[in-house]
Amino acid sequence: MFTITKMAMIRTILFKVLVLLTMAHAAVSLQAVAQQATLHAWQRSVAGAGAYLAATIVTSPMDVVKTRAQAPGKASRNSVVVALEMLRNEGVASFFSGLTPALFMVPAAMVQYTLIDPLRARFPLYIAAMIAGALDITIKCPFDRLKTQMQNDRSGRSMSTLFADTLKDAGVSGLWAGYTVTLVRDLPYLVIKWLVFAQVQALLNAGPLAVMFPIPPEARNLVAGAVAGGVAATAVTPVDVIKTRLQIASAATGGSRGSSIAVARSIIAEDGVAGLFSGLGPRLARIPFYTSITLATFEGIKDSFLRKGLR
């Protein structure tokens, strides 16, 4: 009897959780439709650009350390050791290497954040994230490659020099080195990020968590963004490591690139499975922080437009 009663209680709890998640999904969909009706594309573009710039500049040092930790020969080294070595040998400026090409990725971010609301008002959120994300990744890939190379380059070459060297050695196609693996990494990341963010945001706004843990409205997007970023970043870290190795190898060999599978096998042979998660420490230090800033800023700027009635 006790077992039957316990199973009934579990079913009741699961049913309530399902109902809450369904309500949260509906609330997010309605919110997206409402915002689409009152915000213009230029307003979402401004919100996306502001969100990307704020998060990219603030978290640049952690991104550089992560890239250095994932470079060949660094997989087994502690990220703190890498950071201290950078500070001692290259100075504070080295923590902002690669920032210039990162800032050139603003248009890609604007595309993603301009499209995400109207797309999710018409399609399921995961499809909206895939469409907006694919466009974002395609536009930013050349600059992401240059950013990775600058972050790992000790000679201090400028972005224009790296750009010219890439065209000379590998042609235009060389600018998209690592595009496939970047797509494999970033699309799942974006889908997971938006799905988790939407659900946590809705639960904090109207679910039982809002009653048990009341959080000021300004902080809800920060919390939801941090949770979404942490979950998504951990899931795609192995692909991020492979992508970094491919882009660095492409620069070192004049455009010659191995396959993603070959790189993965090489990492496992050298450092074991743990090598696929090298740089996870600074990645988890950066991505939840980065995502919380990005999404909170994006929602905050949109809310500001809505309050002021700028149409």
C-alpha atoms as a PDB file:
ATOM      1  CA  MET A   1       0.000   0.000   0.000  1.00  0.00           C
ATOM      2  CA  PHE A   2       2.835   2.322   0.911  1.00  0.00           C
ATOM      3  CA  THR A   3       4.498   1.688  -2.454  1.00  0.00           C
ATOM      4  CA  ILE A   4       1.317   2.387  -4.390  1.00  0.00           C
ATOM      5  CA  THR A   5       0.744   5.592  -2.431  1.00  0.00           C
ATOM      6  CA  LYS A   6       4.333   6.677  -2.990  1.00  0.00           C
ATOM      7  CA  MET A   7       4.078   6.033  -6.725  1.00  0.00           C
ATOM      8  CA  ALA A   8       0.861   8.034  -6.866  1.00  0.00           C
ATOM      9  CA  MET A   9       2.568  10.945  -5.145  1.00  0.00           C
ATOM     10  CA  ILE A  10       5.464  10.796  -7.598  1.00  0.00           C
ATOM     11  CA  ARG A  11       3.064  10.791 -10.549  1.00  0.00           C
ATOM     12  CA  THR A  12       1.251  13.790  -9.075  1.00  0.00           C
ATOM     13  CA  ILE A  13       4.503  15.684  -8.629  1.00  0.00           C
ATOM     14  CA  LEU A  14       5.648  14.880 -12.166  1.00  0.00           C
ATOM     15  CA  PHE A  15       2.287  15.970 -13.532  1.00  0.00           C
ATOM     16  CA  LYS A  16       2.537  19.290 -11.686  1.00  0.00           C
ATOM     17  CA  VAL A  17       6.065  19.858 -12.989  1.00  0.00           C
ATOM     18  CA  LEU A  18       4.868  19.135 -16.534  1.00  0.00           C
ATOM     19  CA  VAL A  19       2.003  21.593 -16.117  1.00  0.00           C
ATOM     20  CA  LEU A  20       4.372  24.258 -14.779  1.00  0.00           C
ATOM     21  CA  LEU A  21       6.785  23.783 -17.684  1.00  0.00           C
ATOM     22  CA  THR A  22       3.909  23.950 -20.163  1.00  0.00           C
ATOM     23  CA  MET A  23       2.640  27.146 -18.564  1.00  0.00           C
ATOM     24  CA  ALA A  24       6.157  28.574 -18.606  1.00  0.00           C
ATOM     25  CA  HIS A  25       6.541  27.761 -22.297  1.00  0.00           C
ATOM     26  CA  ALA A  26       3.189  29.367 -23.066  1.00  0.00           C
ATOM     27  CA  ALA A  27       4.108  32.466 -21.079  1.00  0.00           C
ATOM     28  CA  VAL A  28       7.381  32.843 -22.947  1.00  0.00           C
ATOM     29  CA  SER A  29       5.629  32.427 -26.314  1.00  0.00           C
ATOM     30  CA  LEU A  30       3.021  35.054 -25.415  1.00  0.00           C
ATOM     31  CA  GLN A  31       5.743  37.410 -24.226  1.00  0.00           C
ATOM     32  CA  ALA A  32       7.613  37.003 -27.518  1.00  0.00           C
ATOM     33  CA  VAL A  33       4.440  37.732 -29.510  1.00  0.00           C
ATOM     34  CA  ALA A  34       3.697  40.825 -27.412  1.00  0.00           C
ATOM     35  CA  GLN A  35       7.225  42.207 -27.837  1.00  0.00           C
ATOM     36  CA  GLN A  36       7.196  41.500 -31.565  1.00  0.00           C
ATOM     37  CA  ALA A  37       4.065  43.649 -31.858  1.00  0.00           C
ATOM     38  CA  THR A  38       5.622  46.664 -30.125  1.00  0.00           C
ATOM     39  CA  LEU A  39       9.326  46.616 -31.007  1.00  0.00           C
ATOM     40  CA  HIS A  40      10.882  47.445 -34.345  1.00  0.00           C
ATOM     41  CA  ALA A  41      13.852  45.646 -35.875  1.00  0.00           C
ATOM     42  CA  TRP A  42      16.204  48.580 -35.217  1.00  0.00           C
ATOM     43  CA  GLN A  43      15.323  48.493 -31.521  1.00  0.00           C
ATOM     44  CA  ARG A  44      16.099  44.786 -31.254  1.00  0.00           C
ATOM     45  CA  SER A  45      19.322  45.424 -33.216  1.00  0.00           C
ATOM     46  CA  VAL A  46      20.397  48.123 -30.759  1.00  0.00           C
ATOM     47  CA  ALA A  47      19.561  45.808 -27.846  1.00  0.00           C
ATOM     48  CA  GLY A  48      21.549  42.959 -29.402  1.00  0.00           C
ATOM     49  CA  ALA A  49      24.573  45.147 -30.159  1.00  0.00           C
ATOM     50  CA  GLY A  50      24.605  46.633 -26.660  1.00  0.00           C
ATOM     51  CA  ALA A  51      24.278  43.208 -25.070  1.00  0.00           C
ATOM     52  CA  TYR A  52      27.090  41.695 -27.147  1.00  0.00           C
ATOM     53  CA  LEU A  53      29.500  44.604 -26.622  1.00  0.00           C
ATOM     54  CA  ALA A  54      28.979  44.738 -22.858  1.00  0.00           C
ATOM     55  CA  ALA A  55      29.489  41.011 -22.346  1.00  0.00           C
ATOM     56  CA  THR A  56      32.409  40.660 -24.788  1.00  0.00           C
ATOM     57  CA  ILE A  57      34.503  43.471 -23.316  1.00  0.00           C
ATOM     58  CA  VAL A  58      33.906  42.463 -19.688  1.00  0.00           C
ATOM     59  CA  THR A  59      34.685  38.775 -20.204  1.00  0.00           C
ATOM     60  CA  SER A  60      37.554  39.064 -22.711  1.00  0.00           C
ATOM     61  CA  PRO A  61      40.317  38.110 -20.191  1.00  0.00           C
ATOM     62  CA  MET A  62      38.571  34.836 -19.312  1.00  0.00           C
ATOM     63  CA  ASP A  63      38.089  34.019 -22.996  1.00  0.00           C
ATOM     64  CA  VAL A  64      41.796  34.517 -23.719  1.00  0.00           C
ATOM     65  CA  VAL A  65      42.825  32.279 -20.801  1.00  0.00           C
ATOM     66  CA  LYS A  66      40.385  29.608 -21.996  1.00  0.00           C
ATOM     67  CA  THR A  67      41.864  29.690 -25.504  1.00  0.00           C
ATOM     68  CA  ARG A  68      45.439  29.466 -24.212  1.00  0.00           C
ATOM     69  CA  ALA A  69      44.480  26.555 -21.938  1.00  0.00           C
ATOM     70  CA  GLN A  70      42.983  24.672 -24.893  1.00  0.00           C
ATOM     71  CA  ALA A  71      45.991  25.194 -27.189  1.00  0.00           C
ATOM     72  CA  PRO A  72      48.221  22.174 -27.965  1.00  0.00           C
ATOM     73  CA  GLY A  73      50.613  21.530 -25.107  1.00  0.00           C
ATOM     74  CA  LYS A  74      48.426  23.370 -22.594  1.00  0.00           C
ATOM     75  CA  ALA A  75      45.633  20.837 -22.094  1.00  0.00           C
ATOM     76  CA  SER A  76      47.013  19.475 -18.845  1.00  0.00           C
ATOM     77  CA  ARG A  77      47.911  22.873 -17.360  1.00  0.00           C
ATOM     78  CA  ASN A  78      45.865  24.736 -14.805  1.00  0.00           C
ATOM     79  CA  SER A  79      44.112  27.835 -16.124  1.00  0.00           C
ATOM     80  CA  VAL A  80      45.387  29.890 -13.188  1.00  0.00           C
ATOM     81  CA  VAL A  81      48.968  28.928 -14.095  1.00  0.00           C
ATOM     82  CA  VAL A  82      48.343  29.961 -17.705  1.00  0.00           C
ATOM     83  CA  ALA A  83      46.910  33.317 -16.578  1.00  0.00           C
ATOM     84  CA  LEU A  84      49.849  34.039 -14.243  1.00  0.00           C
ATOM     85  CA  GLU A  85      52.309  33.130 -16.989  1.00  0.00           C
ATOM     86  CA  MET A  86      50.551  35.498 -19.392  1.00  0.00           C
ATOM     87  CA  LEU A  87      50.636  38.301 -16.843  1.00  0.00           C
ATOM     88  CA  ARG A  88      54.333  37.763 -16.104  1.00  0.00           C
ATOM     89  CA  ASN A  89      55.539  37.359 -19.694  1.00  0.00           C
ATOM     90  CA  GLU A  90      53.135  39.464 -21.764  1.00  0.00           C
ATOM     91  CA  GLY A  91      51.488  41.944 -19.425  1.00  0.00           C
ATOM     92  CA  VAL A  92      47.877  42.950 -18.823  1.00  0.00           C
ATOM     93  CA  ALA A  93      47.261  43.799 -22.492  1.00  0.00           C
ATOM     94  CA  SER A  94      47.565  40.117 -23.421  1.00  0.00           C
ATOM     95  CA  PHE A  95      44.245  39.439 -21.664  1.00  0.00           C
ATOM     96  CA  PHE A  96      42.525  41.581 -24.292  1.00  0.00           C
ATOM     97  CA  SER A  97      44.237  40.095 -27.344  1.00  0.00           C
ATOM     98  CA  GLY A  98      41.730  39.211 -30.018  1.00  0.00           C
ATOM     99  CA  LEU A  99      39.281  41.864 -28.826  1.00  0.00           C
ATOM    100  CA  THR A 100      39.372  43.755 -32.137  1.00  0.00           C
ATOM    101  CA  PRO A 101      38.061  40.893 -34.310  1.00  0.00           C
ATOM    102  CA  ALA A 102      35.622  40.040 -31.510  1.00  0.00           C
ATOM    103  CA  LEU A 103      34.158  43.537 -31.812  1.00  0.00           C
ATOM    104  CA  PHE A 104      33.843  43.019 -35.561  1.00  0.00           C
ATOM    105  CA  MET A 105      31.370  40.243 -34.759  1.00  0.00           C
ATOM    106  CA  VAL A 106      28.780  42.792 -33.585  1.00  0.00           C
ATOM    107  CA  PRO A 107      26.770  42.558 -36.868  1.00  0.00           C
ATOM    108  CA  ALA A 108      26.469  38.771 -36.404  1.00  0.00           C
ATOM    109  CA  ALA A 109      25.112  39.262 -32.883  1.00  0.00           C
ATOM    110  CA  MET A 110      22.706  41.922 -34.158  1.00  0.00           C
ATOM    111  CA  VAL A 111      21.327  39.458 -36.713  1.00  0.00           C
ATOM    112  CA  GLN A 112      20.733  36.802 -34.065  1.00  0.00           C
ATOM    113  CA  TYR A 113      19.079  39.097 -31.541  1.00  0.00           C
ATOM    114  CA  THR A 114      17.068  40.992 -34.151  1.00  0.00           C
ATOM    115  CA  LEU A 115      15.555  37.780 -35.523  1.00  0.00           C
ATOM    116  CA  ILE A 116      15.099  35.663 -32.386  1.00  0.00           C
ATOM    117  CA  ASP A 117      11.889  37.341 -31.142  1.00  0.00           C
ATOM    118  CA  PRO A 118       9.946  37.392 -34.439  1.00  0.00           C
ATOM    119  CA  LEU A 119      11.130  33.875 -35.236  1.00  0.00           C
ATOM    120  CA  ARG A 120      10.058  32.409 -31.891  1.00  0.00           C
ATOM    121  CA  ALA A 121       6.699  34.125 -32.282  1.00  0.00           C
ATOM    122  CA  ARG A 122       6.159  31.976 -35.390  1.00  0.00           C
ATOM    123  CA  PHE A 123       8.134  28.793 -34.729  1.00  0.00           C
ATOM    124  CA  PRO A 124       9.078  26.632 -31.746  1.00  0.00           C
ATOM    125  CA  LEU A 125      11.936  28.225 -29.829  1.00  0.00           C
ATOM    126  CA  TYR A 126      14.497  25.577 -30.813  1.00  0.00           C
ATOM    127  CA  ILE A 127      13.822  26.158 -34.529  1.00  0.00           C
ATOM    128  CA  ALA A 128      14.029  29.937 -34.047  1.00  0.00           C
ATOM    129  CA  ALA A 129      17.361  29.543 -32.262  1.00  0.00           C
ATOM    130  CA  MET A 130      18.723  27.290 -35.027  1.00  0.00           C
ATOM    131  CA  ILE A 131      17.795  29.726 -37.816  1.00  0.00           C
ATOM    132  CA  ALA A 132      19.068  32.843 -36.051  1.00  0.00           C
ATOM    133  CA  GLY A 133      22.133  30.990 -34.799  1.00  0.00           C
ATOM    134  CA  ALA A 134      23.119  29.590 -38.200  1.00  0.00           C
ATOM    135  CA  LEU A 135      23.111  33.084 -39.704  1.00  0.00           C
ATOM    136  CA  ASP A 136      25.068  34.447 -36.743  1.00  0.00           C
ATOM    137  CA  ILE A 137      27.727  31.707 -37.006  1.00  0.00           C
ATOM    138  CA  THR A 138      28.147  32.079 -40.772  1.00  0.00           C
ATOM    139  CA  ILE A 139      28.714  35.839 -40.499  1.00  0.00           C
ATOM    140  CA  LYS A 140      31.084  35.742 -37.517  1.00  0.00           C
ATOM    141  CA  CYS A 141      33.191  32.678 -38.420  1.00  0.00           C
ATOM    142  CA  PRO A 142      36.067  34.556 -40.152  1.00  0.00           C
ATOM    143  CA  PHE A 143      36.371  37.000 -37.246  1.00  0.00           C
ATOM    144  CA  ASP A 144      36.096  34.208 -34.683  1.00  0.00           C
ATOM    145  CA  ARG A 145      39.021  32.478 -36.388  1.00  0.00           C
ATOM    146  CA  LEU A 146      41.106  35.678 -36.337  1.00  0.00           C
ATOM    147  CA  LYS A 147      40.198  36.239 -32.679  1.00  0.00           C
ATOM    148  CA  THR A 148      41.357  32.734 -31.738  1.00  0.00           C
ATOM    149  CA  GLN A 149      44.633  33.197 -33.617  1.00  0.00           C
ATOM    150  CA  MET A 150      45.323  36.584 -32.009  1.00  0.00           C
ATOM    151  CA  GLN A 151      44.599  35.202 -28.540  1.00  0.00           C
ATOM    152  CA  ASN A 152      47.150  32.432 -29.088  1.00  0.00           C
ATOM    153  CA  ASP A 153      49.727  34.507 -30.996  1.00  0.00           C
ATOM    154  CA  ARG A 154      52.813  35.629 -29.040  1.00  0.00           C
ATOM    155  CA  SER A 155      54.320  37.650 -31.894  1.00  0.00           C
ATOM    156  CA  GLY A 156      51.738  40.415 -31.598  1.00  0.00           C
ATOM    157  CA  ARG A 157      50.576  40.330 -35.215  1.00  0.00           C
ATOM    158  CA  SER A 158      47.659  42.624 -36.002  1.00  0.00           C
ATOM    159  CA  MET A 159      44.289  41.494 -37.277  1.00  0.00           C
ATOM    160  CA  SER A 160      45.039  42.921 -40.740  1.00  0.00           C
ATOM    161  CA  THR A 161      48.322  40.975 -40.894  1.00  0.00           C
ATOM    162  CA  LEU A 162      46.647  37.722 -39.879  1.00  0.00           C
ATOM    163  CA  PHE A 163      43.858  38.391 -42.377  1.00  0.00           C
ATOM    164  CA  ALA A 164      46.354  38.973 -45.198  1.00  0.00           C
ATOM    165  CA  ASP A 165      48.408  35.903 -44.233  1.00  0.00           C
ATOM    166  CA  THR A 166      45.271  33.739 -44.250  1.00  0.00           C
ATOM    167  CA  LEU A 167      44.242  34.928 -47.714  1.00  0.00           C
ATOM    168  CA  LYS A 168      47.777  34.352 -48.999  1.00  0.00           C
ATOM    169  CA  ASP A 169      48.155  30.866 -47.539  1.00  0.00           C
ATOM    170  CA  ALA A 170      44.630  29.420 -47.824  1.00  0.00           C
ATOM    171  CA  GLY A 171      42.530  31.785 -49.912  1.00  0.00           C
ATOM    172  CA  VAL A 172      39.080  33.040 -48.999  1.00  0.00           C
ATOM    173  CA  SER A 173      37.989  29.584 -47.832  1.00  0.00           C
ATOM    174  CA  GLY A 174      40.701  29.740 -45.172  1.00  0.00           C
ATOM    175  CA  LEU A 175      38.724  32.440 -43.389  1.00  0.00           C
ATOM    176  CA  TRP A 176      36.075  29.829 -42.648  1.00  0.00           C
ATOM    177  CA  ALA A 177      38.513  27.268 -41.242  1.00  0.00           C
ATOM    178  CA  GLY A 178      36.711  25.329 -38.539  1.00  0.00           C
ATOM    179  CA  TYR A 179      33.282  26.457 -39.777  1.00  0.00           C
ATOM    180  CA  THR A 180      31.735  22.984 -39.582  1.00  0.00           C
ATOM    181  CA  VAL A 181      32.965  22.290 -36.071  1.00  0.00           C
ATOM    182  CA  THR A 182      31.964  25.823 -35.031  1.00  0.00           C
ATOM    183  CA  LEU A 183      28.479  25.125 -36.355  1.00  0.00           C
ATOM    184  CA  VAL A 184      28.392  21.799 -34.491  1.00  0.00           C
ATOM    185  CA  ARG A 185      29.452  23.578 -31.298  1.00  0.00           C
ATOM    186  CA  ASP A 186      27.436  26.787 -31.469  1.00  0.00           C
ATOM    187  CA  LEU A 187      24.082  25.579 -32.779  1.00  0.00           C
ATOM    188  CA  PRO A 188      23.519  23.152 -29.875  1.00  0.00           C
ATOM    189  CA  TYR A 189      24.877  25.815 -27.529  1.00  0.00           C
ATOM    190  CA  LEU A 190      22.431  28.438 -28.808  1.00  0.00           C
ATOM    191  CA  VAL A 191      19.462  26.078 -28.754  1.00  0.00           C
ATOM    192  CA  ILE A 192      20.238  24.917 -25.200  1.00  0.00           C
ATOM    193  CA  LYS A 193      20.911  28.495 -24.096  1.00  0.00           C
ATOM    194  CA  TRP A 194      17.613  29.890 -25.347  1.00  0.00           C
ATOM    195  CA  LEU A 195      15.535  26.918 -24.174  1.00  0.00           C
ATOM    196  CA  VAL A 196      16.995  26.896 -20.658  1.00  0.00           C
ATOM    197  CA  PHE A 197      16.876  30.691 -20.402  1.00  0.00           C
ATOM    198  CA  ALA A 198      13.215  30.800 -21.420  1.00  0.00           C
ATOM    199  CA  GLN A 199      12.171  28.097 -18.964  1.00  0.00           C
ATOM    200  CA  VAL A 200      14.144  29.454 -16.000  1.00  0.00           C
ATOM    201  CA  GLN A 201      12.989  32.982 -16.767  1.00  0.00           C
ATOM    202  CA  ALA A 202       9.352  31.896 -16.850  1.00  0.00           C
ATOM    203  CA  LEU A 203       9.662  29.856 -13.643  1.00  0.00           C
ATOM    204  CA  LEU A 204      11.278  32.783 -11.837  1.00  0.00           C
ATOM    205  CA  ASN A 205       8.538  35.103 -13.075  1.00  0.00           C
ATOM    206  CA  ALA A 206       5.456  32.976 -12.424  1.00  0.00           C
ATOM    207  CA  GLY A 207       6.364  29.514 -11.133  1.00  0.00           C
ATOM    208  CA  PRO A 208       6.703  28.185  -7.603  1.00  0.00           C
ATOM    209  CA  LEU A 209      10.309  29.393  -7.543  1.00  0.00           C
ATOM    210  CA  ALA A 210       8.981  32.943  -7.717  1.00  0.00           C
ATOM    211  CA  VAL A 211       7.150  32.308  -4.436  1.00  0.00           C
ATOM    212  CA  MET A 212       9.888  30.371  -2.668  1.00  0.00           C
ATOM    213  CA  PHE A 213      12.765  32.562  -3.872  1.00  0.00           C
ATOM    214  CA  PRO A 214      11.458  36.038  -4.701  1.00  0.00           C
ATOM    215  CA  ILE A 215      14.020  37.803  -6.882  1.00  0.00           C
ATOM    216  CA  PRO A 216      13.898  41.435  -8.049  1.00  0.00           C
ATOM    217  CA  PRO A 217      12.817  41.674 -11.703  1.00  0.00           C
ATOM    218  CA  GLU A 218      16.205  43.107 -12.745  1.00  0.00           C
ATOM    219  CA  ALA A 219      18.019  40.090 -11.317  1.00  0.00           C
ATOM    220  CA  ARG A 220      15.804  37.373 -12.836  1.00  0.00           C
ATOM    221  CA  ASN A 221      17.343  37.651 -16.299  1.00  0.00           C
ATOM    222  CA  LEU A 222      20.828  37.565 -14.766  1.00  0.00           C
ATOM    223  CA  VAL A 223      20.046  34.354 -12.884  1.00  0.00           C
ATOM    224  CA  ALA A 224      18.300  32.746 -15.867  1.00  0.00           C
ATOM    225  CA  GLY A 225      21.164  33.725 -18.165  1.00  0.00           C
ATOM    226  CA  ALA A 226      23.806  32.326 -15.813  1.00  0.00           C
ATOM    227  CA  VAL A 227      21.997  28.978 -15.524  1.00  0.00           C
ATOM    228  CA  ALA A 228      21.464  28.790 -19.290  1.00  0.00           C
ATOM    229  CA  GLY A 229      25.082  29.662 -20.022  1.00  0.00           C
ATOM    230  CA  GLY A 230      26.475  27.120 -17.556  1.00  0.00           C
ATOM    231  CA  VAL A 231      24.387  24.235 -18.865  1.00  0.00           C
ATOM    232  CA  ALA A 232      25.033  25.036 -22.525  1.00  0.00           C
ATOM    233  CA  ALA A 233      28.766  25.695 -22.085  1.00  0.00           C
ATOM    234  CA  THR A 234      29.418  22.400 -20.323  1.00  0.00           C
ATOM    235  CA  ALA A 235      27.529  20.430 -22.974  1.00  0.00           C
ATOM    236  CA  VAL A 236      29.567  21.761 -25.900  1.00  0.00           C
ATOM    237  CA  THR A 237      33.046  22.121 -24.344  1.00  0.00           C
ATOM    238  CA  PRO A 238      34.562  19.088 -26.202  1.00  0.00           C
ATOM    239  CA  VAL A 239      33.535  20.573 -29.539  1.00  0.00           C
ATOM    240  CA  ASP A 240      34.937  23.953 -28.479  1.00  0.00           C
ATOM    241  CA  VAL A 241      38.311  22.359 -27.712  1.00  0.00           C
ATOM    242  CA  ILE A 242      38.389  20.653 -31.126  1.00  0.00           C
ATOM    243  CA  LYS A 243      37.404  23.899 -32.876  1.00  0.00           C
ATOM    244  CA  THR A 244      40.186  25.815 -31.120  1.00  0.00           C
ATOM    245  CA  ARG A 245      42.773  23.190 -32.063  1.00  0.00           C
ATOM    246  CA  LEU A 246      41.633  23.238 -35.711  1.00  0.00           C
ATOM    247  CA  GLN A 247      41.847  27.028 -35.973  1.00  0.00           C
ATOM    248  CA  ILE A 248      45.269  27.193 -34.312  1.00  0.00           C
ATOM    249  CA  ALA A 249      46.595  24.335 -36.472  1.00  0.00           C
ATOM    250  CA  SER A 250      45.279  26.066 -39.586  1.00  0.00           C
ATOM    251  CA  ALA A 251      47.320  29.160 -38.797  1.00  0.00           C
ATOM    252  CA  ALA A 252      50.440  27.172 -37.896  1.00  0.00           C
ATOM    253  CA  THR A 253      50.416  25.030 -41.069  1.00  0.00           C
ATOM    254  CA  GLY A 254      49.456  27.688 -43.585  1.00  0.00           C
ATOM    255  CA  GLY A 255      45.868  26.612 -44.018  1.00  0.00           C
ATOM    256  CA  SER A 256      46.279  22.840 -43.846  1.00  0.00           C
ATOM    257  CA  ARG A 257      43.643  21.375 -41.547  1.00  0.00           C
ATOM    258  CA  GLY A 258      43.002  17.902 -40.217  1.00  0.00           C
ATOM    259  CA  SER A 259      39.566  16.460 -39.649  1.00  0.00           C
ATOM    260  CA  SER A 260      37.628  17.016 -36.429  1.00  0.00           C
ATOM    261  CA  ILE A 261      37.704  13.263 -35.707  1.00  0.00           C
ATOM    262  CA  ALA A 262      41.488  13.140 -36.151  1.00  0.00           C
ATOM    263  CA  VAL A 263      41.927  16.078 -33.794  1.00  0.00           C
ATOM    264  CA  ALA A 264      39.656  14.471 -31.197  1.00  0.00           C
ATOM    265  CA  ARG A 265      41.628  11.219 -31.379  1.00  0.00           C
ATOM    266  CA  SER A 266      44.883  13.138 -31.004  1.00  0.00           C
ATOM    267  CA  ILE A 267      43.602  14.963 -27.903  1.00  0.00           C
ATOM    268  CA  ILE A 268      42.416  11.731 -26.275  1.00  0.00           C
ATOM    269  CA  ALA A 269      45.715  10.003 -27.117  1.00  0.00           C
ATOM    270  CA  GLU A 270      47.740  12.831 -25.546  1.00  0.00           C
ATOM    271  CA  ASP A 271      45.623  13.806 -22.545  1.00  0.00           C
ATOM    272  CA  GLY A 272      42.802  11.282 -22.240  1.00  0.00           C
ATOM    273  CA  VAL A 273      39.124  12.137 -22.268  1.00  0.00           C
ATOM    274  CA  ALA A 274      39.823  14.933 -19.783  1.00  0.00           C
ATOM    275  CA  GLY A 275      41.671  16.727 -22.580  1.00  0.00           C
ATOM    276  CA  LEU A 276      38.354  17.293 -24.342  1.00  0.00           C
ATOM    277  CA  PHE A 277      37.303  19.380 -21.345  1.00  0.00           C
ATOM    278  CA  SER A 278      40.480  21.456 -21.098  1.00  0.00           C
ATOM    279  CA  GLY A 279      39.664  25.097 -20.448  1.00  0.00           C
ATOM    280  CA  LEU A 280      36.347  24.156 -18.818  1.00  0.00           C
ATOM    281  CA  GLY A 281      37.280  26.100 -15.672  1.00  0.00           C
ATOM    282  CA  PRO A 282      37.662  29.514 -17.332  1.00  0.00           C
ATOM    283  CA  ARG A 283      34.833  28.605 -19.715  1.00  0.00           C
ATOM    284  CA  LEU A 284      32.468  28.068 -16.784  1.00  0.00           C
ATOM    285  CA  ALA A 285      33.855  31.190 -15.152  1.00  0.00           C
ATOM    286  CA  ARG A 286      33.161  33.159 -18.317  1.00  0.00           C
ATOM    287  CA  ILE A 287      30.143  31.731 -20.160  1.00  0.00           C
ATOM    288  CA  PRO A 288      27.523  31.890 -17.370  1.00  0.00           C
ATOM    289  CA  PHE A 289      28.761  35.404 -16.576  1.00  0.00           C
ATOM    290  CA  TYR A 290      28.830  36.300 -20.284  1.00  0.00           C
ATOM    291  CA  THR A 291      25.387  34.857 -20.972  1.00  0.00           C
ATOM    292  CA  SER A 292      23.818  36.512 -17.936  1.00  0.00           C
ATOM    293  CA  ILE A 293      25.207  39.917 -18.993  1.00  0.00           C
ATOM    294  CA  THR A 294      24.184  39.401 -22.624  1.00  0.00           C
ATOM    295  CA  LEU A 295      20.617  38.247 -22.034  1.00  0.00           C
ATOM    296  CA  ALA A 296      19.947  40.589 -19.112  1.00  0.00           C
ATOM    297  CA  THR A 297      21.237  43.556 -21.140  1.00  0.00           C
ATOM    298  CA  PHE A 298      19.256  42.469 -24.189  1.00  0.00           C
ATOM    299  CA  GLU A 299      16.021  42.161 -22.211  1.00  0.00           C
ATOM    300  CA  GLY A 300      16.792  45.341 -20.253  1.00  0.00           C
ATOM    301  CA  ILE A 301      17.276  47.488 -23.355  1.00  0.00           C
ATOM    302  CA  LYS A 302      14.117  46.058 -24.922  1.00  0.00           C
ATOM    303  CA  ASP A 303      12.162  46.782 -21.738  1.00  0.00           C
ATOM    304  CA  SER A 304      13.548  50.320 -21.784  1.00  0.00           C
ATOM    305  CA  PHE A 305      12.240  50.815 -25.309  1.00  0.00           C
ATOM    306  CA  LEU A 306       8.852  49.417 -24.272  1.00  0.00           C
ATOM    307  CA  ARG A 307       8.619  51.706 -21.233  1.00  0.00           C
ATOM    308  CA  LYS A 308       9.555  54.798 -23.188  1.00  0.00           C
ATOM    309  CA  GLY A 309       7.198  53.884 -26.009  1.00  0.00           C
ATOM    310  CA  LEU A 310       9.821  54.516 -28.719  1.00  0.00           C
ATOM    311  CA  ARG A 311       8.338  53.125 -31.908  1.00  0.00           C
END
